[in-house]
Each structure stands twice: as structure tokens, then as C-alpha cells.
Protein backbone atom coordinates (compact mmCIF):
# COMPACT_ATOMS: atom_id res chain seq x y z
CA UNK A 1 23.69 17.35 -29.18
CA UNK A 2 22.63 20.91 -27.87
CA UNK A 3 19.87 21.33 -25.35
CA UNK A 4 18.10 24.78 -25.81
CA UNK A 5 16.15 23.93 -22.70
CA UNK A 6 15.76 20.95 -20.77
CA UNK A 7 14.22 18.74 -22.34
CA UNK A 8 13.97 20.67 -25.84
CA UNK A 9 16.01 19.42 -29.10
CA UNK A 10 16.78 21.90 -31.74
CA UNK A 11 15.53 20.06 -34.95
CA UNK A 12 19.22 18.63 -36.28
CA UNK A 13 19.94 17.50 -32.86
CA UNK A 14 16.91 15.20 -32.33
CA UNK A 15 17.97 11.26 -31.69
CA UNK A 16 17.80 8.85 -34.25
CA UNK A 17 15.60 5.95 -31.83
CA UNK A 18 12.89 7.80 -30.36
CA UNK A 19 11.93 6.81 -26.78
CA UNK A 20 8.56 7.79 -24.71
CA UNK A 21 10.45 9.73 -21.70
CA UNK A 22 8.26 10.63 -19.36
CA UNK A 23 8.28 13.88 -17.48
CA UNK A 24 10.34 14.94 -14.45
CA UNK A 25 6.55 15.55 -12.65
CA UNK A 26 5.61 12.18 -13.81
CA UNK A 27 8.38 10.59 -12.46
CA UNK A 28 9.18 12.33 -8.82
CA UNK A 29 4.70 11.50 -8.15
CA UNK A 30 4.92 8.22 -9.64
CA UNK A 31 7.99 7.30 -6.80
CA UNK A 32 5.67 8.44 -3.77
CA UNK A 33 2.77 6.57 -5.21
CA UNK A 34 4.72 3.26 -5.22
CA UNK A 35 6.02 4.30 -1.96
CA UNK A 36 2.38 4.80 -0.58
CA UNK A 37 0.63 1.67 -1.83
CA UNK A 38 3.56 0.01 -0.08
CA UNK A 39 2.75 1.44 3.03
CA UNK A 40 -0.81 0.80 2.81
CA UNK A 41 -0.38 -3.06 2.26
CA UNK A 42 1.84 -2.85 4.67
CA UNK A 43 -0.69 -1.53 7.37
CA UNK A 44 -3.55 -3.45 5.59
CA UNK A 45 -1.29 -6.89 6.05
CA UNK A 46 -0.69 -5.36 10.29
CA UNK A 47 -4.29 -4.58 10.17
CA UNK A 48 -5.38 -8.38 9.57
CA UNK A 49 -2.47 -9.46 12.15
CA UNK A 50 -4.32 -6.85 14.59
CA UNK A 51 -7.84 -8.26 13.66
CA UNK A 52 -7.01 -12.74 14.29
CA UNK A 53 -5.98 -11.69 17.91
CA UNK A 54 -8.81 -9.05 18.64
CA UNK A 55 -10.68 -12.59 17.25
CA UNK A 56 -8.92 -14.55 19.18
CA UNK A 57 -9.31 -13.10 22.05
CA UNK A 58 -12.67 -12.53 21.42
CA UNK A 59 -13.65 -16.11 20.66
CA UNK A 60 -11.69 -16.91 24.20
CA UNK A 61 -14.25 -14.54 26.20
CA UNK A 62 -17.49 -15.70 23.99
CA UNK A 63 -16.36 -19.64 24.93
CA UNK A 64 -15.91 -18.37 28.75
CA UNK A 65 -19.22 -16.83 28.70
CA UNK A 66 -20.49 -19.65 27.48
CA UNK A 67 -19.68 -22.24 30.11
CA UNK A 68 -21.14 -20.21 32.54
CA UNK A 69 -24.46 -19.27 31.49
CA UNK A 70 -24.80 -22.91 30.75
CA UNK A 71 -23.61 -23.28 34.57
CA UNK A 72 -26.35 -20.71 35.45
CA UNK A 73 -28.58 -23.23 33.63
CA UNK A 74 -27.57 -26.57 35.21
CA UNK A 75 -28.19 -24.88 39.09
């Protein structure tokens, strides 16, 4: 099978089983998209963890503030 240029076949050289081929540009663009999506997912998971830490801290501070306010009301 002779290729005159990459991706171009002479009519007599066409393979019998035709497969849908993705162009090189699309193939190279798809990998970075998948990589970026994985990174975004990792960042979202990390952000969720950080938010949980902040929520626990805020809850603790709110509890402390409520105790101090209650002590002031009792006096």
C-alpha cells in the first residue's frame, strides 16, 4: 500500500475494512482535554476537603461564640 501523502490512499490501495480514523489533530486534542478534566476533578476533590476543614473550624468557633454569649446572658 503506497501513501502519496499521510492519510491519502491511491484508489487501488484502499483497505477492504474501513475503520473510522480520528485525525491526528483531534487525537492530540483529546488527550489534553482528558488530562485537564482529570486535573479539574482532582482540584474539586481537594477543594471539597478544604471546605470540610473550614466548615469544622467555623462550627467550632460558632460553638465557642455561643458559649460566650450564653455566659454573658447569665451574668
